[in-house]
Protein backbone atom coordinates (compact mmCIF):
# COMPACT_ATOMS: atom_id res chain seq x y z
CA MET A 1 55.74 -53.56 91.96
CA ILE A 2 54.33 -57.08 92.28
CA LEU A 3 52.33 -58.21 89.27
CA ASP A 4 48.73 -58.76 90.30
CA LEU A 5 47.86 -62.27 89.17
CA SER A 6 45.61 -63.07 92.11
CA TYR A 7 42.75 -63.75 89.71
CA LEU A 8 44.39 -67.07 88.83
CA ARG A 9 42.94 -68.40 92.06
CA TYR A 10 39.38 -67.45 91.03
CA PRO A 11 37.11 -70.40 90.17
CA LEU A 12 36.40 -71.17 86.53
CA PRO A 13 32.94 -71.88 85.12
CA THR A 14 32.38 -75.62 85.46
CA ASP A 15 32.06 -76.39 81.76
CA ILE A 16 35.21 -74.47 80.86
CA SER A 17 37.13 -76.07 83.74
CA MET A 18 36.16 -79.56 82.58
CA LEU A 19 37.18 -78.81 79.01
CA TYR A 20 40.55 -77.43 80.13
CA GLU A 21 41.35 -80.41 82.36
CA SER A 22 40.39 -82.85 79.61
CA GLY A 23 42.47 -80.98 77.03
CA ARG A 24 39.58 -80.07 74.75
CA PHE A 25 41.09 -76.69 74.00
CA GLU A 26 39.31 -75.93 70.74
CA GLU A 27 35.88 -76.13 72.36
CA MET A 28 37.19 -74.43 75.52
CA ASN A 29 38.48 -71.43 73.55
CA ARG A 30 35.15 -71.15 71.76
CA LEU A 31 33.27 -71.07 75.07
CA ILE A 32 35.74 -68.58 76.55
CA ASP A 33 35.17 -66.17 73.66
CA LEU A 34 31.42 -66.66 74.02
CA ASN A 35 31.61 -65.83 77.74
CA LEU A 36 33.86 -62.82 77.19
CA ALA A 37 31.24 -61.35 74.85
CA ARG A 38 28.57 -61.41 77.57
CA PRO A 39 28.08 -57.95 79.13
CA GLN A 40 27.17 -59.38 82.55
CA LEU A 41 30.51 -61.16 82.96
CA PRO A 42 32.47 -59.72 85.94
CA ASP A 43 35.80 -58.08 85.08
CA ALA A 44 37.63 -60.38 87.51
CA LEU A 45 36.38 -63.46 85.68
CA LYS A 46 37.31 -61.92 82.33
CA LYS A 47 40.95 -61.82 83.38
CA ARG A 48 40.80 -65.42 84.54
CA LEU A 49 39.29 -66.61 81.26
CA GLU A 50 41.66 -64.56 79.11
CA PHE A 51 44.63 -66.08 80.93
CA LEU A 52 43.33 -69.57 80.15
CA HIS A 53 44.07 -68.88 76.49
CA TYR A 54 47.77 -68.57 77.41
CA CYS A 55 47.62 -71.79 79.43
CA ALA A 56 46.19 -73.71 76.47
CA GLU A 57 48.78 -72.20 74.13
CA ASP A 58 51.65 -73.15 76.44
CA THR A 59 50.30 -76.68 76.93
CA LEU A 60 49.95 -77.29 73.20
CA GLU A 61 53.53 -76.13 72.71
CA ALA A 62 54.91 -78.33 75.51
CA TYR A 63 53.00 -81.58 74.83
CA GLN A 64 53.47 -82.56 71.19
CA LEU A 65 54.63 -86.19 71.22
CA THR A 66 52.10 -88.91 70.51
CA SER A 67 52.44 -92.16 72.43
CA GLU A 68 54.22 -93.80 69.50
CA GLN A 69 56.56 -90.85 68.98
CA ALA A 70 57.47 -90.79 72.67
CA PHE A 71 58.14 -94.53 72.67
CA ASP A 72 60.23 -94.26 69.49
CA ASN A 73 62.23 -91.41 71.04
CA ALA A 74 62.81 -93.50 74.13
CA ARG A 75 63.96 -96.48 72.05
CA MET A 76 66.41 -94.24 70.16
CA ARG A 77 68.05 -93.40 73.49
CA ILE A 78 67.54 -96.76 75.21
CA PRO A 79 67.39 -99.41 72.44
CA ASP A 80 66.41 -102.31 74.74
CA LEU A 81 63.52 -100.46 76.41
CA THR A 82 60.36 -102.57 76.29
CA ARG A 83 56.87 -101.22 75.83
CA GLU A 84 55.95 -102.60 79.27
CA GLU A 85 58.79 -100.58 80.82
CA PHE A 86 57.64 -97.52 78.92
CA HIS A 87 54.11 -97.90 80.28
CA ALA A 88 55.46 -98.42 83.79
CA LEU A 89 57.42 -95.17 83.50
CA ARG A 90 54.23 -93.47 82.37
CA ASP A 91 52.20 -94.87 85.24
CA ASP A 92 54.70 -93.95 87.96
CA ARG A 93 54.68 -90.35 86.62
CA THR A 94 58.23 -90.40 85.33
CA LEU A 95 57.00 -89.65 81.80
CA ASP A 96 54.86 -86.52 81.82
CA TRP A 97 51.74 -86.57 79.64
CA ARG A 98 48.22 -85.20 79.33
CA TYR A 99 45.16 -85.63 77.14
CA ILE A 100 44.72 -83.15 74.31
CA GLU A 101 41.66 -83.36 72.07
CA GLY A 102 41.01 -86.93 73.16
CA ARG A 103 44.54 -88.26 72.61
CA ARG A 104 47.44 -88.82 75.00
CA PHE A 105 50.40 -86.52 74.33
CA TYR A 106 53.78 -86.55 76.10
CA ARG A 107 56.03 -83.66 77.08
CA ASN A 108 58.54 -82.85 74.35
CA ASN A 109 61.50 -83.41 76.69
CA CYS A 110 60.10 -86.26 78.79
CA ILE A 111 62.80 -88.69 77.64
CA SER A 112 65.58 -86.23 78.48
CA ASN A 113 64.00 -85.84 81.90
CA LEU A 114 63.98 -89.63 82.35
CA LEU A 115 67.69 -89.87 81.58
CA ARG A 116 68.49 -86.96 83.87
CA THR A 117 66.64 -88.28 86.89
CA ARG A 118 67.06 -92.05 86.59
CA ARG A 119 70.69 -93.05 86.51
CA SER A 120 69.91 -96.71 85.90
CA ASP A 121 68.16 -95.80 82.66
CA ALA A 122 70.84 -93.24 81.75
CA LEU A 123 73.43 -96.02 81.95
CA ARG A 124 71.45 -97.95 79.34
CA GLU A 125 71.56 -95.04 76.91
CA LYS A 126 73.68 -95.46 73.79
CA GLY A 127 77.18 -94.14 74.50
CA THR A 128 78.59 -92.82 77.75
CA LEU A 129 79.89 -89.40 76.64
CA ILE A 130 77.04 -87.48 78.28
CA LEU A 131 77.51 -89.37 81.54
CA GLN A 132 81.25 -88.71 81.40
CA GLU A 133 80.66 -84.99 80.85
CA GLU A 134 78.27 -84.91 83.82
CA THR A 135 80.81 -86.80 85.96
CA ASN A 136 83.53 -84.32 85.02
CA GLU A 137 81.34 -81.34 85.91
CA THR A 138 80.31 -82.91 89.22
CA ALA A 139 83.97 -83.54 90.07
CA ALA A 140 84.84 -79.93 89.23
CA ARG A 141 81.98 -78.70 91.39
CA ASP A 142 83.02 -80.93 94.29
CA ASN A 143 86.59 -79.61 94.03
CA LEU A 144 85.26 -76.05 94.05
CA ILE A 145 83.13 -76.78 97.12
CA LYS A 146 86.21 -78.25 98.82
CA THR A 147 88.19 -75.11 98.00
CA LEU A 148 85.41 -72.90 99.35
CA LYS A 149 85.25 -74.87 102.59
CA GLU A 150 89.01 -74.77 103.06
CA SER A 151 89.57 -71.12 102.17
CA GLY A 152 86.26 -69.83 103.55
CA ARG A 153 85.71 -67.54 100.57
CA VAL A 154 85.89 -67.79 96.76
CA ARG A 155 85.46 -65.17 94.05
CA TYR A 156 84.50 -65.84 90.46
CA SER A 157 84.76 -63.57 87.44
CA ALA A 158 82.57 -64.21 84.40
CA LYS A 159 81.98 -62.57 81.05
CA LEU A 160 78.87 -63.50 79.09
CA ARG A 161 76.73 -62.44 76.19
CA GLU A 162 72.93 -62.59 76.16
CA SER A 163 70.74 -61.95 73.14
CA ILE A 164 67.22 -61.92 71.75
CA SER A 165 66.64 -62.44 68.01
CA ILE A 166 63.32 -61.72 66.32
CA SER A 167 62.27 -63.32 63.06
CA SER A 168 58.65 -63.40 61.92
CA ASP A 169 56.55 -63.07 58.78
CA ARG A 170 53.77 -61.68 60.97
CA LEU A 171 55.65 -58.45 61.74
CA THR A 172 56.02 -55.35 59.58
CA PRO A 173 59.53 -54.07 58.83
CA GLY A 174 60.15 -50.87 60.74
CA GLU A 175 57.57 -51.41 63.48
CA THR A 176 58.86 -50.87 67.00
CA LEU A 177 60.09 -53.79 69.06
CA ARG A 178 60.23 -53.45 72.84
CA ILE A 179 62.93 -55.72 74.27
CA TRP A 180 64.12 -56.35 77.83
CA LEU A 181 67.42 -58.14 78.52
CA PRO A 182 68.09 -59.31 82.10
CA LEU A 183 70.87 -57.73 84.15
CA PRO A 184 72.49 -58.95 87.40
CA VAL A 185 70.83 -57.72 90.58
CA SER A 186 72.83 -56.21 93.44
CA ASP A 187 72.06 -58.97 95.97
CA PRO A 188 74.63 -61.56 97.11
CA PRO A 189 76.56 -63.28 95.66
CA VAL A 190 77.02 -60.43 93.14
CA LEU A 191 79.90 -58.09 93.96
CA THR A 192 80.11 -56.09 90.73
CA SER A 193 78.51 -56.13 87.29
CA ARG A 194 78.82 -53.89 84.27
CA ILE A 195 77.71 -53.76 80.67
CA LEU A 196 80.69 -53.99 78.32
CA ALA A 197 78.83 -53.61 75.04
CA THR A 198 75.35 -53.64 73.52
CA SER A 199 74.06 -54.04 69.98
CA HIS A 200 71.81 -50.98 70.37
CA GLU A 201 71.68 -48.07 72.77
CA PRO A 202 69.44 -48.94 75.74
CA VAL A 203 66.49 -46.63 76.30
CA GLN A 204 66.51 -47.38 80.03
CA ILE A 205 68.57 -49.40 82.49
CA SER A 206 66.91 -50.46 85.75
CA PRO A 207 68.51 -49.32 89.03
CA GLU A 208 70.82 -51.83 90.67
CA ASN A 209 68.32 -52.58 93.44
CA ALA A 210 65.49 -53.47 91.03
CA PRO A 211 64.06 -56.92 91.91
CA GLN A 212 63.99 -57.91 88.23
CA ARG A 213 66.66 -55.74 86.66
CA THR A 214 66.76 -55.18 82.89
CA ALA A 215 68.21 -53.18 80.04
CA TYR A 216 65.30 -51.93 77.93
CA PHE A 217 65.56 -51.35 74.16
CA GLU A 218 63.29 -50.01 71.43
CA VAL A 219 64.40 -51.26 68.03
CA PRO A 220 62.82 -51.13 64.54
CA TYR A 221 61.96 -54.59 63.29
CA GLU A 222 63.81 -56.27 60.47
CA LYS A 223 63.84 -60.01 59.99
CA GLY A 224 66.52 -61.60 62.16
CA VAL A 225 67.28 -58.46 64.13
CA THR A 226 69.31 -59.32 67.23
CA VAL A 227 69.61 -57.30 70.41
CA TYR A 228 72.47 -58.32 72.68
CA ALA A 229 74.47 -57.23 75.69
CA THR A 230 77.91 -58.36 76.83
CA LEU A 231 78.31 -58.38 80.61
CA ALA A 232 81.24 -58.62 83.02
CA CYS A 233 80.42 -59.81 86.54
CA GLU A 234 82.18 -60.79 89.72
CA THR A 235 80.60 -62.92 92.43
CA GLU A 236 81.75 -63.98 95.88
CA MET A 237 80.65 -66.82 98.12
CA THR A 238 81.54 -67.14 101.81
CA TYR A 239 81.21 -70.60 103.33
CA ARG A 240 78.86 -70.87 106.30
CA LYS A 241 77.60 -73.89 108.20
CA PRO A 242 74.38 -72.94 110.00
CA ASP A 243 74.42 -74.16 113.61
CA PRO A 244 70.94 -74.47 115.17
CA ALA A 245 72.49 -73.94 118.61
CA ARG A 246 73.43 -70.40 117.61
CA ALA A 247 70.04 -69.43 116.17
CA THR A 248 68.38 -66.48 117.93
CA GLY A 249 65.12 -66.03 116.04
CA GLU A 250 65.73 -62.27 115.68
CA LEU A 251 64.40 -60.51 112.58
CA PRO A 252 66.22 -57.15 112.29
CA ALA A 253 64.11 -54.55 110.50
CA GLY A 254 66.98 -53.54 108.25
CA ASP A 255 67.54 -57.09 107.04
CA VAL A 256 64.01 -58.51 106.86
CA THR A 257 60.92 -56.87 105.36
CA GLU A 258 57.23 -57.75 105.44
CA GLN A 259 57.61 -59.07 101.89
CA ASP A 260 59.93 -61.79 103.14
CA LEU A 261 57.09 -63.36 105.14
CA ALA A 262 54.16 -62.40 102.91
CA GLN A 263 51.82 -64.43 100.78
CA VAL A 264 51.84 -63.48 97.08
CA GLU A 265 48.93 -64.84 95.10
CA PRO A 266 48.52 -67.01 93.14
CA HIS A 267 51.47 -69.24 94.15
CA ILE A 268 52.97 -68.20 97.48
CA VAL A 269 49.80 -68.92 99.41
CA PHE A 270 49.30 -70.67 102.76
CA ALA A 271 46.59 -72.98 101.48
CA PRO A 272 45.11 -75.59 103.88
CA TYR A 273 47.13 -78.55 102.54
CA LEU A 274 50.33 -76.47 102.44
CA LYS A 275 49.81 -75.45 106.06
CA ALA A 276 49.09 -79.02 107.15
CA LEU A 277 52.07 -80.41 105.25
CA THR A 278 54.42 -77.72 106.59
CA ALA A 279 53.27 -78.37 110.16
CA GLU A 280 53.84 -82.11 109.67
CA ILE A 281 57.36 -81.51 108.32
CA VAL A 282 58.48 -78.86 110.80
CA GLY A 283 56.98 -80.31 113.97
CA ASP A 284 56.98 -78.35 117.22
CA THR A 285 60.39 -76.66 116.95
CA ASP A 286 60.74 -72.87 117.20
CA ASN A 287 64.28 -72.86 115.84
CA PRO A 288 64.39 -71.17 112.38
CA ILE A 289 67.42 -73.14 111.20
CA VAL A 290 65.81 -76.43 112.20
CA LYS A 291 62.56 -75.43 110.49
CA ALA A 292 64.32 -74.51 107.25
CA ARG A 293 66.49 -77.64 107.37
CA ARG A 294 63.51 -79.95 107.84
CA ILE A 295 61.77 -78.36 104.87
CA TYR A 296 64.96 -78.64 102.81
CA ASP A 297 65.35 -82.30 103.80
CA PHE A 298 61.76 -83.06 102.81
CA ILE A 299 62.06 -81.47 99.37
CA THR A 300 65.50 -82.94 98.59
CA THR A 301 64.74 -86.49 99.76
CA LYS A 302 61.02 -86.88 99.03
CA GLY A 303 60.73 -84.75 95.89
CA THR A 304 61.80 -85.72 92.39
CA TYR A 305 63.22 -83.41 89.75
CA ARG A 306 60.99 -82.93 86.69
CA PHE A 307 61.24 -80.67 83.67
CA MET A 308 58.17 -78.44 83.66
CA PRO A 309 55.99 -76.79 81.04
CA SER A 310 55.77 -73.00 81.12
CA TYR A 311 54.96 -71.75 84.63
CA ARG A 312 52.31 -69.66 82.96
CA SER A 313 50.29 -72.84 82.39
CA ILE A 314 50.35 -73.92 86.06
CA PRO A 315 47.64 -72.24 88.19
CA ASP A 316 49.22 -73.30 91.51
CA ILE A 317 52.95 -74.03 91.32
CA VAL A 318 53.49 -74.85 94.99
CA GLY A 319 50.28 -76.87 95.15
CA TYR A 320 51.55 -78.85 92.16
CA PHE A 321 54.69 -79.88 94.03
CA CYS A 322 52.88 -80.66 97.26
CA ALA A 323 50.40 -82.91 95.48
CA ASN A 324 52.84 -84.62 93.09
CA LEU A 325 56.18 -84.34 94.95
CA ARG A 326 57.92 -83.40 91.73
CA GLY A 327 59.08 -80.28 89.94
CA ASP A 328 62.07 -78.47 88.51
CA CYS A 329 64.46 -76.10 90.31
CA GLY A 330 61.98 -73.20 90.37
CA VAL A 331 59.08 -75.31 91.61
CA GLN A 332 61.26 -76.69 94.40
CA ALA A 333 62.65 -73.27 95.33
CA LEU A 334 59.19 -71.70 95.44
CA THR A 335 57.89 -74.55 97.59
CA PHE A 336 60.79 -74.09 100.02
CA ILE A 337 60.11 -70.33 100.19
CA THR A 338 56.38 -70.76 100.75
CA MET A 339 56.80 -73.39 103.46
CA CYS A 340 59.44 -71.29 105.22
CA ARG A 341 57.22 -68.23 105.23
CA CYS A 342 54.25 -70.31 106.35
CA CYS A 343 56.11 -71.32 109.53
CA GLY A 344 57.60 -67.87 110.18
CA VAL A 345 61.02 -68.16 108.53
CA PRO A 346 61.71 -65.25 106.13
CA ALA A 347 62.55 -66.47 102.64
CA ARG A 348 63.30 -64.99 99.22
CA TRP A 349 63.61 -66.03 95.60
CA GLN A 350 66.73 -65.83 93.45
CA SER A 351 67.20 -66.94 89.86
CA GLY A 352 69.47 -66.35 86.93
CA LEU A 353 72.28 -68.37 85.39
CA TYR A 354 74.50 -71.21 86.47
CA THR A 355 77.77 -70.15 84.87
CA ALA A 356 80.18 -73.06 85.31
CA PRO A 357 83.03 -73.00 82.78
CA THR A 358 81.67 -76.10 81.03
CA SER A 359 77.95 -75.38 81.41
CA CYS A 360 75.89 -72.20 81.28
CA GLY A 361 72.14 -72.49 81.88
CA MET A 362 69.10 -71.12 83.63
CA HIS A 363 68.61 -71.96 87.29
CA ASP A 364 66.50 -70.99 90.34
CA TRP A 365 67.26 -71.22 94.05
CA ALA A 366 66.15 -69.73 97.39
CA MET A 367 67.34 -67.71 100.37
CA PHE A 368 66.21 -67.87 104.00
CA TYR A 369 66.99 -65.71 107.01
CA ALA A 370 68.43 -67.02 110.29
CA ALA A 371 70.15 -64.81 112.85
CA PRO A 372 73.02 -64.48 113.61
CA TYR A 373 74.02 -65.63 110.10
CA GLY A 374 71.70 -63.32 108.18
CA TRP A 375 70.56 -64.39 104.72
CA LEU A 376 71.59 -67.91 103.69
CA HIS A 377 71.13 -69.75 100.41
CA ALA A 378 69.36 -73.04 99.79
CA ASP A 379 69.39 -74.95 96.51
CA CYS A 380 66.89 -77.77 96.76
CA SER A 381 67.45 -78.90 93.17
CA PHE A 382 71.20 -79.36 93.56
CA GLY A 383 70.62 -80.84 97.02
CA GLY A 384 68.18 -83.36 95.59
CA SER A 385 70.62 -84.29 92.83
CA ALA A 386 73.30 -84.88 95.46
CA TYR A 387 70.89 -87.10 97.40
CA ARG A 388 70.07 -89.18 94.30
CA ASN A 389 73.79 -89.64 93.64
CA GLY A 390 74.62 -90.60 97.21
CA SER A 391 76.59 -87.48 98.15
CA GLU A 392 75.35 -86.38 101.59
CA GLU A 393 78.28 -83.97 101.93
CA ARG A 394 77.22 -82.09 98.79
CA ARG A 395 73.56 -82.13 99.83
CA ASP A 396 74.53 -80.66 103.21
CA PHE A 397 76.58 -77.93 101.49
CA TYR A 398 73.62 -76.60 99.50
CA PHE A 399 71.74 -75.87 102.72
CA GLY A 400 73.25 -72.50 103.59
CA ASN A 401 75.60 -72.17 100.62
CA LEU A 402 75.94 -72.00 96.86
CA ASP A 403 78.83 -72.66 94.56
CA PRO A 404 80.12 -69.32 93.19
CA TRP A 405 79.02 -70.16 89.64
CA ARG A 406 75.76 -68.24 90.17
CA LEU A 407 74.62 -65.00 88.59
CA PRO A 408 71.19 -63.85 89.86
CA PHE A 409 69.04 -61.70 87.56
CA THR A 410 66.01 -61.82 89.85
CA SER A 411 65.71 -61.26 93.60
CA ARG A 412 61.91 -61.29 93.89
CA PHE A 413 59.32 -63.55 92.32
CA GLN A 414 56.50 -62.09 90.18
CA TYR A 415 57.73 -58.49 89.78
CA GLN A 416 57.08 -56.06 86.96
CA PHE A 417 59.86 -54.68 84.80
CA THR A 418 60.96 -51.07 84.62
CA PRO A 419 59.47 -49.88 82.31
CA PRO A 420 56.54 -52.32 82.48
CA THR A 421 55.46 -54.53 79.62
CA ARG A 422 52.18 -53.72 77.91
CA PHE A 423 51.17 -57.34 77.36
CA MET A 424 51.39 -60.65 79.16
CA ARG A 425 55.00 -61.79 79.45
CA SER A 426 56.04 -65.26 78.30
CA ASP A 427 57.15 -65.70 81.93
CA PRO A 428 55.26 -63.32 84.23
CA TYR A 429 57.08 -64.60 87.33
CA ASP A 430 60.76 -64.70 86.47
CA ASN A 431 63.30 -63.26 84.03
CA GLN A 432 66.33 -65.23 82.91
CA VAL A 433 66.33 -64.81 79.11
CA GLY A 434 64.43 -61.56 78.56
CA GLU A 435 61.14 -60.59 76.96
CA ALA A 436 59.97 -59.02 73.69
CA GLU A 437 56.78 -57.44 72.38
CA THR A 438 55.65 -54.81 69.86
CA LEU A 439 53.60 -51.70 70.56
CA SER A 440 50.44 -53.57 69.61
CA ARG A 441 50.85 -57.20 70.75
CA ARG A 442 52.93 -59.79 72.54
CA LEU A 443 55.25 -61.94 70.45
CA LEU A 444 54.67 -65.67 70.14
CA GLY A 445 57.23 -68.34 70.95
CA ASP A 446 58.12 -69.07 67.32
CA GLU A 447 58.96 -65.41 66.71
CA VAL A 448 61.62 -65.11 69.42
CA ASP A 449 64.96 -66.85 69.97
CA THR A 450 66.97 -66.23 73.13
CA SER A 451 70.49 -67.25 74.08
CA HIS A 452 73.13 -66.75 76.74
CA ASP A 453 76.75 -67.72 76.21
CA LEU A 454 79.55 -67.78 78.76
CA LEU A 455 82.56 -66.15 77.12
CA SER A 456 84.96 -66.70 80.04
CA GLY A 457 84.92 -67.78 83.66
CA THR A 458 87.82 -67.51 86.11
CA LEU A 459 88.22 -68.30 89.78
CA LEU A 460 89.87 -65.46 91.72
CA HIS A 461 91.86 -66.41 94.82
């Protein structure tokens, strides 16, 4: 079941909107509570105002560096950085910031983002170990792509452990915790997956075809309690090079559903600017592979990777990318999906873990449908990275293919768990690290620690 968050597109009262945009959250929260107490307030607007509390909370957590702290952090990584250069990076939107209570605050990881996306500045950073590690991983990935192209098919076996730990002085020992750990979905590239061990007996395990599959636990609270699952998975990637000359435009009912072309408020929406931009990018072609490729080319060559605050704090994720031409892997994937659907190309979401032997982390990507190939993958984030590093061959690969180091936990965006949560999730759209709540409230960010560790990873020939 899709989570109904359509109310995020409802207009806010003017005074509250101005306070939110200017970062005056203390006064905004006071006015929200005042409005919520009014009996004439429509229920739809209540939901919109209540959600704004979460947005403010997420923003305050993400933007904590003062201007001086951000500059000092930058100088620690790039000792010869001048203040003029710092301001230039701010003004060209490389360093993400916003006003909060009348002061400019920067994203906590804005300097890490700078060093990830600007190689010239990364080369100025003290030491070259990080760059060497990235070079080694890129070389390993390129070798794997070469193997996949030559053999046509590669399998990968991985074992990993994921966990959620709860520690809080605001909880009562013995009260019930409700915890969801993500599990691999049954969609490609997953061949098999199984649970090897768990810390506690699951109350419920979602069916394999669940769009956001989980193992659900109910555990009595004690400080530091950890719920974990150890998983064994096997994935398989088959190399395909989509040829526009072979495209048929067919949409077989068994392969494509209405959901694959549908709008899903608040983010997958064919808004006027999105429609105009998509039409400008796609042009007058009717070929689905050409359409998808032109959208992919636009995002990978015109967009810039940016670390993002919680998606919960962004009222229009796709609109954000279209207006700013920046965003992380999920923002880029969702933009690709929305544009594809807008011009009649079926598209889906996938997300989970990137499980390379030397690096295990969260990642999002997309799928699109083109007969006679069926469902193909597209990774705009990895494609954009290849473009920035001058590797057109790698960028071309990620249109239609993935490396086999992928483990999807989610096959649909913005779906409810089974069983559903009682309260607002920390991420209502996706699920890569799991969620936790009690019977009476949601848990705050400082009460929950999540982790995922790759225990082993082996290529199978």
